[in-house]
């Protein structure tokens, strides 16, 4: 009965598909956050190295 109501859109409970999709999105979000953190650290590292070099003319 509940499954039928869910499938018809009468019940707001998450379906199995919704739960799977949420897990996929959460994993992608976590991977993006990790990638962004790595990029920010690399930018800070190479930016600092650029400031330490003598000015060329």
N, C-alpha and C. Protein backbone atom coordinates (compact mmCIF):
# COMPACT_ATOMS: atom_id res chain seq x y z
N UNK A 1 0.83 -1.19 0.00
CA UNK A 1 0.00 0.00 0.00
C UNK A 1 0.87 1.25 0.00
N UNK A 2 1.87 1.31 0.91
CA UNK A 2 2.75 2.48 0.98
C UNK A 2 3.54 2.65 -0.31
N UNK A 3 4.04 1.55 -0.85
CA UNK A 3 4.81 1.62 -2.09
C UNK A 3 3.95 2.15 -3.21
N UNK A 4 2.74 1.69 -3.27
CA UNK A 4 1.81 2.15 -4.30
C UNK A 4 1.55 3.64 -4.16
N UNK A 5 1.33 4.10 -2.94
CA UNK A 5 1.09 5.53 -2.70
C UNK A 5 2.33 6.35 -3.05
N UNK A 6 3.52 5.83 -2.70
CA UNK A 6 4.76 6.53 -3.04
C UNK A 6 4.91 6.66 -4.54
N UNK A 7 4.70 5.57 -5.24
CA UNK A 7 4.85 5.57 -6.69
C UNK A 7 3.87 6.51 -7.38
N UNK A 8 2.71 6.70 -6.80
CA UNK A 8 1.71 7.59 -7.39
C UNK A 8 1.94 9.05 -6.97
N UNK A 9 2.92 9.25 -6.06
CA UNK A 9 3.21 10.60 -5.61
C UNK A 9 2.31 11.07 -4.49
N UNK A 10 1.55 10.16 -3.88
CA UNK A 10 0.65 10.54 -2.79
C UNK A 10 1.36 10.56 -1.45
N UNK A 11 2.49 9.89 -1.36
CA UNK A 11 3.24 9.79 -0.11
C UNK A 11 4.63 10.37 -0.36
N UNK A 12 5.13 11.12 0.60
CA UNK A 12 6.41 11.81 0.42
C UNK A 12 7.62 11.01 0.90
N UNK A 13 7.43 9.78 1.33
CA UNK A 13 8.55 8.97 1.80
C UNK A 13 9.54 8.75 0.66
N UNK A 14 10.82 8.74 0.98
CA UNK A 14 11.81 8.50 -0.07
C UNK A 14 11.74 7.05 -0.56
N UNK A 15 11.93 6.88 -1.83
CA UNK A 15 11.94 5.54 -2.41
C UNK A 15 13.35 4.98 -2.36
N UNK A 16 13.51 3.72 -2.71
CA UNK A 16 14.83 3.11 -2.76
C UNK A 16 15.70 3.84 -3.77
N UNK A 17 15.10 4.20 -4.90
CA UNK A 17 15.84 4.91 -5.93
C UNK A 17 16.33 6.25 -5.39
N UNK A 18 15.48 6.94 -4.64
CA UNK A 18 15.87 8.22 -4.05
C UNK A 18 17.07 8.04 -3.12
N UNK A 19 17.03 7.01 -2.32
CA UNK A 19 18.14 6.75 -1.39
C UNK A 19 19.43 6.47 -2.13
N UNK A 20 19.36 5.68 -3.21
CA UNK A 20 20.55 5.39 -4.02
C UNK A 20 21.08 6.67 -4.65
N UNK A 21 20.18 7.49 -5.16
CA UNK A 21 20.57 8.74 -5.81
C UNK A 21 21.22 9.70 -4.81
N UNK A 22 20.68 9.75 -3.60
CA UNK A 22 21.26 10.61 -2.56
C UNK A 22 22.67 10.15 -2.22
N UNK A 23 22.91 8.84 -2.17
CA UNK A 23 24.25 8.32 -1.89
C UNK A 23 25.23 8.71 -2.99
N UNK A 24 24.78 8.62 -4.25
CA UNK A 24 25.64 9.00 -5.38
C UNK A 24 25.99 10.48 -5.29
N UNK A 25 24.98 11.32 -5.05
CA UNK A 25 25.22 12.76 -4.96
C UNK A 25 26.13 13.10 -3.78
N UNK A 26 25.96 12.43 -2.67
CA UNK A 26 26.79 12.69 -1.49
C UNK A 26 28.24 12.32 -1.79
N UNK A 27 28.46 11.20 -2.47
CA UNK A 27 29.82 10.78 -2.82
C UNK A 27 30.46 11.79 -3.77
N UNK A 28 29.72 12.24 -4.79
CA UNK A 28 30.24 13.23 -5.73
C UNK A 28 30.57 14.53 -5.01
N UNK A 29 29.72 14.94 -4.11
CA UNK A 29 29.95 16.17 -3.35
C UNK A 29 31.21 16.05 -2.51
N UNK A 30 31.39 14.92 -1.86
CA UNK A 30 32.58 14.69 -1.04
C UNK A 30 33.84 14.72 -1.90
N UNK A 31 33.79 14.08 -3.08
CA UNK A 31 34.94 14.06 -3.99
C UNK A 31 35.26 15.48 -4.47
N UNK A 32 34.25 16.26 -4.76
CA UNK A 32 34.48 17.65 -5.22
C UNK A 32 35.10 18.50 -4.11
N UNK A 33 34.61 18.32 -2.88
CA UNK A 33 35.19 19.07 -1.76
C UNK A 33 36.67 18.72 -1.59
N UNK A 34 37.00 17.42 -1.70
CA UNK A 34 38.39 16.99 -1.56
C UNK A 34 39.25 17.56 -2.69
N UNK A 35 38.73 17.55 -3.90
CA UNK A 35 39.46 18.10 -5.04
C UNK A 35 39.69 19.59 -4.86
N UNK A 36 38.66 20.30 -4.44
CA UNK A 36 38.80 21.74 -4.21
C UNK A 36 39.83 22.04 -3.13
N UNK A 37 39.84 21.23 -2.08
CA UNK A 37 40.81 21.43 -1.02
C UNK A 37 42.23 21.24 -1.54
N UNK A 38 42.44 20.21 -2.36
CA UNK A 38 43.76 19.96 -2.95
C UNK A 38 44.17 21.13 -3.84
N UNK A 39 43.24 21.62 -4.66
CA UNK A 39 43.55 22.73 -5.55
C UNK A 39 43.88 24.00 -4.76
N UNK A 40 43.14 24.27 -3.69
CA UNK A 40 43.43 25.44 -2.88
C UNK A 40 44.81 25.35 -2.22
N UNK A 41 45.17 24.16 -1.76
CA UNK A 41 46.49 23.99 -1.14
C UNK A 41 47.59 24.16 -2.18
N UNK A 42 47.38 23.62 -3.38
CA UNK A 42 48.37 23.76 -4.45
C UNK A 42 48.51 25.23 -4.84
N UNK A 43 47.40 25.92 -4.95
CA UNK A 43 47.44 27.33 -5.30
C UNK A 43 48.19 28.14 -4.25
N UNK A 44 47.95 27.85 -3.00
CA UNK A 44 48.65 28.56 -1.92
C UNK A 44 50.14 28.25 -1.96
N UNK A 45 50.49 26.99 -2.20
CA UNK A 45 51.89 26.58 -2.23
C UNK A 45 52.62 27.26 -3.39
N UNK A 46 52.07 27.16 -4.60
CA UNK A 46 52.74 27.73 -5.76
C UNK A 46 52.67 29.25 -5.75
N UNK A 47 51.63 29.81 -5.20
CA UNK A 47 51.55 31.26 -5.06
C UNK A 47 52.63 31.78 -4.13
N UNK A 48 52.87 31.09 -3.05
CA UNK A 48 53.92 31.49 -2.11
C UNK A 48 55.28 31.34 -2.75
N UNK A 49 55.49 30.27 -3.50
CA UNK A 49 56.77 30.06 -4.19
C UNK A 49 57.02 31.18 -5.19
N UNK A 50 55.99 31.66 -5.83
CA UNK A 50 56.11 32.75 -6.80
C UNK A 50 56.53 34.04 -6.09
N UNK A 51 56.04 34.27 -4.89
CA UNK A 51 56.40 35.47 -4.14
C UNK A 51 57.85 35.41 -3.63
N UNK A 52 58.37 34.21 -3.41
CA UNK A 52 59.73 34.05 -2.89
C UNK A 52 60.79 34.24 -3.97
N UNK A 53 60.43 34.14 -5.26
CA UNK A 53 61.40 34.27 -6.34
C UNK A 53 61.77 35.74 -6.53
N UNK A 54 63.02 35.99 -6.88
CA UNK A 54 63.43 37.38 -7.16
C UNK A 54 62.75 37.87 -8.45
N UNK A 55 62.51 39.16 -8.48
CA UNK A 55 61.85 39.78 -9.63
C UNK A 55 62.79 39.77 -10.83
N UNK A 56 62.31 39.34 -12.01
CA UNK A 56 63.12 39.31 -13.23
C UNK A 56 62.77 40.51 -14.09
N UNK A 57 63.79 41.08 -14.74
CA UNK A 57 63.57 42.18 -15.68
C UNK A 57 64.06 41.82 -17.02
